[in-house]
């Protein structure tokens, strides 16, 4: 069978009709198309995709916050985070390395004695600007490099009210200024009542003279001034 003559296509093929749509038909088809696209997007969108704008916003906030803490100028060293005022004040109050090593929990009076630079009996004379002037009545132990006089400076919160007798286990916190601090706060403070010595704090207290006693934890430790003297003499 031979192919139809091209001139016959016009009679075989259907009439294409008018290329122009009636008025308003374009708007109708466009509205339907947009509605179908919106419905398809809602059906196939995932929670992950919906969270992307929020995550992007959070990332921008973090970048802005990080940038606020950095300072950089051309030619300067790489920028570094600026310390907070609280951190700066804390750093300024840090004791020297030797004193830092002595800040820990103590279980026995022997441990206190072995760590102390100075062990003295006496009383507070006055308190000013967070420092106490302490009058020394007796030196139980003194390390070779620890200066001592009839009055010493204890550079912490008051170690007792004026006139209250105590035994202090001290670390030399500022050698140049000759300032001392009790070992780990209340651990290094014993209040005296005659010949009886009682730890200042029940929570921050040793539990024994030479060996720890787990049953005494959480209670104030009580001993005698003679025992404290004996342990100090054993260190030499």
C-alpha atoms as a PDB file:
ATOM      1  CA  UNK A   1       0.000   0.000   0.000  1.00  0.00           C
ATOM      2  CA  UNK A   2       1.465   3.328  -1.043  1.00  0.00           C
ATOM      3  CA  UNK A   3       1.751   6.263   1.365  1.00  0.00           C
ATOM      4  CA  UNK A   4      -0.852   8.959   0.952  1.00  0.00           C
ATOM      5  CA  UNK A   5       0.086  11.978  -0.954  1.00  0.00           C
ATOM      6  CA  UNK A   6       1.071  14.903   1.281  1.00  0.00           C
ATOM      7  CA  UNK A   7      -1.642  16.933  -0.242  1.00  0.00           C
ATOM      8  CA  UNK A   8      -4.120  14.426   1.196  1.00  0.00           C
ATOM      9  CA  UNK A   9      -2.967  14.996   4.854  1.00  0.00           C
ATOM     10  CA  UNK A  10      -5.098  18.046   5.176  1.00  0.00           C
ATOM     11  CA  UNK A  11      -8.167  15.932   4.449  1.00  0.00           C
ATOM     12  CA  UNK A  12      -7.089  12.952   6.670  1.00  0.00           C
ATOM     13  CA  UNK A  13      -5.895  14.861   9.802  1.00  0.00           C
ATOM     14  CA  UNK A  14      -8.559  16.475  12.034  1.00  0.00           C
ATOM     15  CA  UNK A  15      -8.899  20.189  11.978  1.00  0.00           C
ATOM     16  CA  UNK A  16      -6.601  21.682  14.664  1.00  0.00           C
ATOM     17  CA  UNK A  17      -9.170  24.157  15.583  1.00  0.00           C
ATOM     18  CA  UNK A  18      -8.645  27.692  16.691  1.00  0.00           C
ATOM     19  CA  UNK A  19      -5.269  28.314  18.380  1.00  0.00           C
ATOM     20  CA  UNK A  20      -6.650  31.037  20.600  1.00  0.00           C
ATOM     21  CA  UNK A  21      -8.621  29.975  23.731  1.00  0.00           C
ATOM     22  CA  UNK A  22     -11.854  31.669  24.567  1.00  0.00           C
ATOM     23  CA  UNK A  23     -11.695  34.671  26.845  1.00  0.00           C
ATOM     24  CA  UNK A  24     -11.086  33.750  30.505  1.00  0.00           C
ATOM     25  CA  UNK A  25      -9.923  30.209  29.723  1.00  0.00           C
ATOM     26  CA  UNK A  26      -6.236  31.077  30.328  1.00  0.00           C
ATOM     27  CA  UNK A  27      -7.015  32.333  33.855  1.00  0.00           C
ATOM     28  CA  UNK A  28      -9.064  29.199  34.621  1.00  0.00           C
ATOM     29  CA  UNK A  29      -6.270  26.826  33.570  1.00  0.00           C
ATOM     30  CA  UNK A  30      -3.646  28.827  35.444  1.00  0.00           C
ATOM     31  CA  UNK A  31      -5.676  28.776  38.670  1.00  0.00           C
ATOM     32  CA  UNK A  32      -6.202  25.017  38.398  1.00  0.00           C
ATOM     33  CA  UNK A  33      -2.501  24.446  37.734  1.00  0.00           C
ATOM     34  CA  UNK A  34      -1.420  26.542  40.735  1.00  0.00           C
ATOM     35  CA  UNK A  35      -3.934  24.759  42.986  1.00  0.00           C
ATOM     36  CA  UNK A  36      -2.613  21.350  41.894  1.00  0.00           C
ATOM     37  CA  UNK A  37       0.992  22.401  42.490  1.00  0.00           C
ATOM     38  CA  UNK A  38       0.194  23.699  45.977  1.00  0.00           C
ATOM     39  CA  UNK A  39      -1.700  20.491  46.879  1.00  0.00           C
ATOM     40  CA  UNK A  40       1.196  18.346  45.626  1.00  0.00           C
ATOM     41  CA  UNK A  41       3.709  20.372  47.620  1.00  0.00           C
ATOM     42  CA  UNK A  42       1.713  19.955  50.847  1.00  0.00           C
ATOM     43  CA  UNK A  43       1.312  16.220  50.265  1.00  0.00           C
ATOM     44  CA  UNK A  44       4.981  15.450  49.639  1.00  0.00           C
ATOM     45  CA  UNK A  45       6.667  18.001  51.924  1.00  0.00           C
ATOM     46  CA  UNK A  46       8.485  16.435  54.908  1.00  0.00           C
ATOM     47  CA  UNK A  47       8.959  17.754  58.451  1.00  0.00           C
ATOM     48  CA  UNK A  48      12.658  17.973  57.699  1.00  0.00           C
ATOM     49  CA  UNK A  49      12.027  20.402  54.839  1.00  0.00           C
ATOM     50  CA  UNK A  50       9.690  22.500  56.963  1.00  0.00           C
ATOM     51  CA  UNK A  51      12.361  22.821  59.617  1.00  0.00           C
ATOM     52  CA  UNK A  52      15.018  24.098  57.231  1.00  0.00           C
ATOM     53  CA  UNK A  53      14.100  27.804  57.512  1.00  0.00           C
ATOM     54  CA  UNK A  54      14.117  27.564  61.332  1.00  0.00           C
ATOM     55  CA  UNK A  55      17.461  25.762  61.343  1.00  0.00           C
ATOM     56  CA  UNK A  56      18.941  28.316  58.986  1.00  0.00           C
ATOM     57  CA  UNK A  57      17.727  31.133  61.235  1.00  0.00           C
ATOM     58  CA  UNK A  58      19.211  29.414  64.298  1.00  0.00           C
ATOM     59  CA  UNK A  59      22.537  29.036  62.508  1.00  0.00           C
ATOM     60  CA  UNK A  60      22.581  32.733  61.676  1.00  0.00           C
ATOM     61  CA  UNK A  61      21.869  33.616  65.313  1.00  0.00           C
ATOM     62  CA  UNK A  62      24.750  31.421  66.491  1.00  0.00           C
ATOM     63  CA  UNK A  63      27.143  32.964  63.982  1.00  0.00           C
ATOM     64  CA  UNK A  64      26.109  36.450  65.046  1.00  0.00           C
ATOM     65  CA  UNK A  65      26.531  35.592  68.715  1.00  0.00           C
ATOM     66  CA  UNK A  66      29.974  34.139  68.101  1.00  0.00           C
ATOM     67  CA  UNK A  67      31.003  37.172  66.135  1.00  0.00           C
ATOM     68  CA  UNK A  68      29.902  39.476  68.938  1.00  0.00           C
ATOM     69  CA  UNK A  69      32.445  37.861  71.263  1.00  0.00           C
ATOM     70  CA  UNK A  70      35.392  38.309  68.916  1.00  0.00           C
ATOM     71  CA  UNK A  71      37.524  41.312  68.220  1.00  0.00           C
ATOM     72  CA  UNK A  72      39.758  41.502  65.162  1.00  0.00           C
ATOM     73  CA  UNK A  73      41.616  44.272  63.452  1.00  0.00           C
ATOM     74  CA  UNK A  74      43.795  44.134  60.334  1.00  0.00           C
ATOM     75  CA  UNK A  75      47.323  43.066  61.206  1.00  0.00           C
ATOM     76  CA  UNK A  76      46.417  41.834  64.685  1.00  0.00           C
ATOM     77  CA  UNK A  77      46.777  38.324  66.020  1.00  0.00           C
ATOM     78  CA  UNK A  78      43.888  35.902  65.363  1.00  0.00           C
ATOM     79  CA  UNK A  79      40.799  37.009  67.289  1.00  0.00           C
ATOM     80  CA  UNK A  80      40.121  35.426  70.669  1.00  0.00           C
ATOM     81  CA  UNK A  81      36.954  35.261  72.729  1.00  0.00           C
ATOM     82  CA  UNK A  82      36.754  38.040  75.284  1.00  0.00           C
ATOM     83  CA  UNK A  83      36.536  36.773  78.891  1.00  0.00           C
ATOM     84  CA  UNK A  84      33.543  37.765  80.943  1.00  0.00           C
ATOM     85  CA  UNK A  85      34.012  40.187  83.867  1.00  0.00           C
ATOM     86  CA  UNK A  86      33.238  37.343  86.284  1.00  0.00           C
ATOM     87  CA  UNK A  87      35.950  35.167  84.734  1.00  0.00           C
ATOM     88  CA  UNK A  88      38.442  38.029  84.887  1.00  0.00           C
ATOM     89  CA  UNK A  89      37.742  38.628  88.565  1.00  0.00           C
ATOM     90  CA  UNK A  90      38.039  34.922  89.342  1.00  0.00           C
ATOM     91  CA  UNK A  91      41.363  34.703  87.529  1.00  0.00           C
ATOM     92  CA  UNK A  92      42.653  37.687  89.482  1.00  0.00           C
ATOM     93  CA  UNK A  93      41.872  35.913  92.758  1.00  0.00           C
ATOM     94  CA  UNK A  94      43.659  32.664  91.870  1.00  0.00           C
ATOM     95  CA  UNK A  95      46.310  31.685  94.431  1.00  0.00           C
ATOM     96  CA  UNK A  96      49.788  30.608  93.328  1.00  0.00           C
ATOM     97  CA  UNK A  97      50.316  27.019  92.078  1.00  0.00           C
ATOM     98  CA  UNK A  98      51.674  25.798  95.406  1.00  0.00           C
ATOM     99  CA  UNK A  99      48.536  26.889  97.228  1.00  0.00           C
ATOM    100  CA  UNK A 100      46.252  25.454  94.534  1.00  0.00           C
ATOM    101  CA  UNK A 101      47.770  22.003  95.032  1.00  0.00           C
ATOM    102  CA  UNK A 102      46.743  22.154  98.683  1.00  0.00           C
ATOM    103  CA  UNK A 103      43.064  22.827  97.935  1.00  0.00           C
ATOM    104  CA  UNK A 104      41.403  19.446  98.369  1.00  0.00           C
ATOM    105  CA  UNK A 105      39.374  17.434 100.861  1.00  0.00           C
ATOM    106  CA  UNK A 106      41.372  16.252 103.854  1.00  0.00           C
ATOM    107  CA  UNK A 107      40.540  13.077 105.745  1.00  0.00           C
ATOM    108  CA  UNK A 108      42.945  13.250 108.685  1.00  0.00           C
ATOM    109  CA  UNK A 109      44.806  15.752 110.833  1.00  0.00           C
ATOM    110  CA  UNK A 110      48.031  14.117 109.653  1.00  0.00           C
ATOM    111  CA  UNK A 111      47.165  15.056 106.074  1.00  0.00           C
ATOM    112  CA  UNK A 112      46.543  18.638 107.147  1.00  0.00           C
ATOM    113  CA  UNK A 113      49.829  18.739 109.037  1.00  0.00           C
ATOM    114  CA  UNK A 114      51.810  17.268 106.143  1.00  0.00           C
ATOM    115  CA  UNK A 115      50.360  19.813 103.703  1.00  0.00           C
ATOM    116  CA  UNK A 116      50.531  22.955 105.837  1.00  0.00           C
ATOM    117  CA  UNK A 117      53.232  25.591 105.522  1.00  0.00           C
ATOM    118  CA  UNK A 118      52.364  26.874 108.966  1.00  0.00           C
ATOM    119  CA  UNK A 119      50.374  25.513 111.925  1.00  0.00           C
ATOM    120  CA  UNK A 120      49.677  28.059 114.645  1.00  0.00           C
ATOM    121  CA  UNK A 121      47.584  28.618 117.722  1.00  0.00           C
ATOM    122  CA  UNK A 122      46.272  32.087 118.392  1.00  0.00           C
ATOM    123  CA  UNK A 123      43.369  34.424 117.768  1.00  0.00           C
ATOM    124  CA  UNK A 124      42.082  37.051 115.356  1.00  0.00           C
ATOM    125  CA  UNK A 125      42.917  40.613 116.331  1.00  0.00           C
ATOM    126  CA  UNK A 126      41.080  42.536 113.616  1.00  0.00           C
ATOM    127  CA  UNK A 127      39.379  42.127 110.245  1.00  0.00           C
ATOM    128  CA  UNK A 128      39.519  44.586 107.339  1.00  0.00           C
ATOM    129  CA  UNK A 129      38.917  44.278 103.585  1.00  0.00           C
ATOM    130  CA  UNK A 130      38.402  40.522 103.796  1.00  0.00           C
ATOM    131  CA  UNK A 131      41.720  39.952 105.598  1.00  0.00           C
ATOM    132  CA  UNK A 132      42.319  39.014 109.191  1.00  0.00           C
ATOM    133  CA  UNK A 133      45.220  40.040 111.391  1.00  0.00           C
ATOM    134  CA  UNK A 134      46.007  36.978 113.463  1.00  0.00           C
ATOM    135  CA  UNK A 135      48.056  37.084 116.659  1.00  0.00           C
ATOM    136  CA  UNK A 136      50.258  33.999 117.005  1.00  0.00           C
ATOM    137  CA  UNK A 137      50.492  32.547 120.496  1.00  0.00           C
ATOM    138  CA  UNK A 138      52.219  29.283 119.559  1.00  0.00           C
ATOM    139  CA  UNK A 139      53.822  27.825 116.450  1.00  0.00           C
ATOM    140  CA  UNK A 140      53.099  24.107 116.203  1.00  0.00           C
ATOM    141  CA  UNK A 141      54.835  23.695 112.837  1.00  0.00           C
ATOM    142  CA  UNK A 142      56.609  25.980 110.362  1.00  0.00           C
ATOM    143  CA  UNK A 143      58.060  25.087 106.986  1.00  0.00           C
ATOM    144  CA  UNK A 144      61.564  26.498 106.391  1.00  0.00           C
ATOM    145  CA  UNK A 145      60.359  29.006 103.798  1.00  0.00           C
ATOM    146  CA  UNK A 146      57.300  30.149 105.747  1.00  0.00           C
ATOM    147  CA  UNK A 147      57.769  33.540 107.422  1.00  0.00           C
ATOM    148  CA  UNK A 148      56.221  33.979 110.832  1.00  0.00           C
ATOM    149  CA  UNK A 149      55.921  36.810 113.297  1.00  0.00           C
ATOM    150  CA  UNK A 150      53.861  37.613 116.346  1.00  0.00           C
ATOM    151  CA  UNK A 151      51.107  38.716 113.949  1.00  0.00           C
ATOM    152  CA  UNK A 152      50.356  37.301 110.496  1.00  0.00           C
ATOM    153  CA  UNK A 153      47.873  38.166 107.758  1.00  0.00           C
ATOM    154  CA  UNK A 154      45.236  35.626 106.770  1.00  0.00           C
ATOM    155  CA  UNK A 155      43.881  36.701 103.381  1.00  0.00           C
ATOM    156  CA  UNK A 156      40.474  35.040 103.391  1.00  0.00           C
ATOM    157  CA  UNK A 157      37.092  35.639 104.903  1.00  0.00           C
ATOM    158  CA  UNK A 158      37.300  36.016 108.691  1.00  0.00           C
ATOM    159  CA  UNK A 159      38.671  32.871 110.318  1.00  0.00           C
ATOM    160  CA  UNK A 160      36.959  33.731 113.560  1.00  0.00           C
ATOM    161  CA  UNK A 161      35.687  36.584 115.635  1.00  0.00           C
ATOM    162  CA  UNK A 162      38.330  38.676 117.407  1.00  0.00           C
ATOM    163  CA  UNK A 163      39.494  37.049 120.629  1.00  0.00           C
ATOM    164  CA  UNK A 164      38.271  33.551 119.682  1.00  0.00           C
ATOM    165  CA  UNK A 165      41.139  31.048 120.108  1.00  0.00           C
ATOM    166  CA  UNK A 166      41.825  28.716 117.205  1.00  0.00           C
ATOM    167  CA  UNK A 167      44.408  26.431 115.645  1.00  0.00           C
ATOM    168  CA  UNK A 168      44.980  27.153 111.967  1.00  0.00           C
ATOM    169  CA  UNK A 169      46.545  24.919 109.312  1.00  0.00           C
ATOM    170  CA  UNK A 170      47.760  27.434 106.751  1.00  0.00           C
ATOM    171  CA  UNK A 171      49.152  27.574 103.219  1.00  0.00           C
ATOM    172  CA  UNK A 172      51.351  30.463 102.125  1.00  0.00           C
ATOM    173  CA  UNK A 173      49.045  31.875  99.439  1.00  0.00           C
ATOM    174  CA  UNK A 174      51.111  34.992  98.641  1.00  0.00           C
ATOM    175  CA  UNK A 175      54.788  34.607  99.529  1.00  0.00           C
ATOM    176  CA  UNK A 176      55.734  38.174  98.569  1.00  0.00           C
ATOM    177  CA  UNK A 177      52.990  39.737 100.659  1.00  0.00           C
ATOM    178  CA  UNK A 178      53.362  37.053 103.358  1.00  0.00           C
ATOM    179  CA  UNK A 179      49.675  36.248 103.272  1.00  0.00           C
ATOM    180  CA  UNK A 180      48.308  32.894 104.435  1.00  0.00           C
ATOM    181  CA  UNK A 181      45.053  31.032 103.847  1.00  0.00           C
ATOM    182  CA  UNK A 182      43.510  28.099 105.750  1.00  0.00           C
ATOM    183  CA  UNK A 183      43.876  24.775 103.948  1.00  0.00           C
ATOM    184  CA  UNK A 184      40.685  24.225 101.921  1.00  0.00           C
ATOM    185  CA  UNK A 185      38.721  26.734 103.942  1.00  0.00           C
ATOM    186  CA  UNK A 186      37.149  25.291 107.068  1.00  0.00           C
ATOM    187  CA  UNK A 187      39.183  22.079 106.813  1.00  0.00           C
ATOM    188  CA  UNK A 188      42.148  23.988 108.216  1.00  0.00           C
ATOM    189  CA  UNK A 189      40.366  25.658 111.148  1.00  0.00           C
ATOM    190  CA  UNK A 190      39.920  24.203 114.640  1.00  0.00           C
ATOM    191  CA  UNK A 191      38.158  26.115 117.403  1.00  0.00           C
ATOM    192  CA  UNK A 192      39.605  25.812 120.885  1.00  0.00           C
ATOM    193  CA  UNK A 193      37.761  25.545 124.162  1.00  0.00           C
ATOM    194  CA  UNK A 194      40.468  25.081 126.767  1.00  0.00           C
ATOM    195  CA  UNK A 195      42.438  22.006 125.635  1.00  0.00           C
ATOM    196  CA  UNK A 196      39.682  20.720 123.339  1.00  0.00           C
ATOM    197  CA  UNK A 197      39.949  21.329 119.604  1.00  0.00           C
ATOM    198  CA  UNK A 198      36.862  21.017 117.397  1.00  0.00           C
ATOM    199  CA  UNK A 199      36.753  21.324 113.610  1.00  0.00           C
ATOM    200  CA  UNK A 200      35.081  24.534 112.492  1.00  0.00           C
ATOM    201  CA  UNK A 201      32.689  22.811 110.062  1.00  0.00           C
ATOM    202  CA  UNK A 202      30.928  19.461 110.271  1.00  0.00           C
ATOM    203  CA  UNK A 203      30.675  19.237 106.470  1.00  0.00           C
ATOM    204  CA  UNK A 204      34.291  20.267 105.751  1.00  0.00           C
ATOM    205  CA  UNK A 205      36.030  18.284 108.459  1.00  0.00           C
ATOM    206  CA  UNK A 206      38.595  15.541 108.899  1.00  0.00           C
ATOM    207  CA  UNK A 207      37.350  12.267 110.356  1.00  0.00           C
ATOM    208  CA  UNK A 208      40.462  11.100 112.261  1.00  0.00           C
ATOM    209  CA  UNK A 209      43.923  11.919 113.529  1.00  0.00           C
ATOM    210  CA  UNK A 210      46.068   9.458 111.573  1.00  0.00           C
ATOM    211  CA  UNK A 211      43.441   7.315 109.837  1.00  0.00           C
ATOM    212  CA  UNK A 212      40.071   8.202 108.382  1.00  0.00           C
ATOM    213  CA  UNK A 213      36.897   7.028 110.080  1.00  0.00           C
ATOM    214  CA  UNK A 214      33.994   6.646 107.634  1.00  0.00           C
ATOM    215  CA  UNK A 215      31.484   6.518 110.493  1.00  0.00           C
ATOM    216  CA  UNK A 216      32.495  10.037 111.566  1.00  0.00           C
ATOM    217  CA  UNK A 217      31.781  11.638 108.193  1.00  0.00           C
ATOM    218  CA  UNK A 218      29.421  14.594 108.390  1.00  0.00           C
ATOM    219  CA  UNK A 219      30.175  15.266 112.055  1.00  0.00           C
ATOM    220  CA  UNK A 220      32.540  17.759 113.561  1.00  0.00           C
ATOM    221  CA  UNK A 221      35.839  16.169 114.574  1.00  0.00           C
ATOM    222  CA  UNK A 222      36.902  16.626 118.196  1.00  0.00           C
ATOM    223  CA  UNK A 223      40.405  16.085 119.537  1.00  0.00           C
ATOM    224  CA  UNK A 224      42.825  17.693 121.989  1.00  0.00           C
ATOM    225  CA  UNK A 225      45.398  20.401 121.582  1.00  0.00           C
ATOM    226  CA  UNK A 226      48.005  17.923 122.848  1.00  0.00           C
ATOM    227  CA  UNK A 227      47.225  15.563 119.947  1.00  0.00           C
ATOM    228  CA  UNK A 228      47.607  18.387 117.439  1.00  0.00           C
ATOM    229  CA  UNK A 229      50.960  19.289 118.963  1.00  0.00           C
ATOM    230  CA  UNK A 230      52.083  15.662 118.795  1.00  0.00           C
ATOM    231  CA  UNK A 231      51.266  15.285 115.107  1.00  0.00           C
ATOM    232  CA  UNK A 232      53.001  18.564 114.322  1.00  0.00           C
ATOM    233  CA  UNK A 233      56.131  17.422 116.157  1.00  0.00           C
ATOM    234  CA  UNK A 234      56.152  14.148 114.207  1.00  0.00           C
ATOM    235  CA  UNK A 235      56.554  16.060 110.984  1.00  0.00           C
ATOM    236  CA  UNK A 236      59.581  17.785 112.441  1.00  0.00           C
END
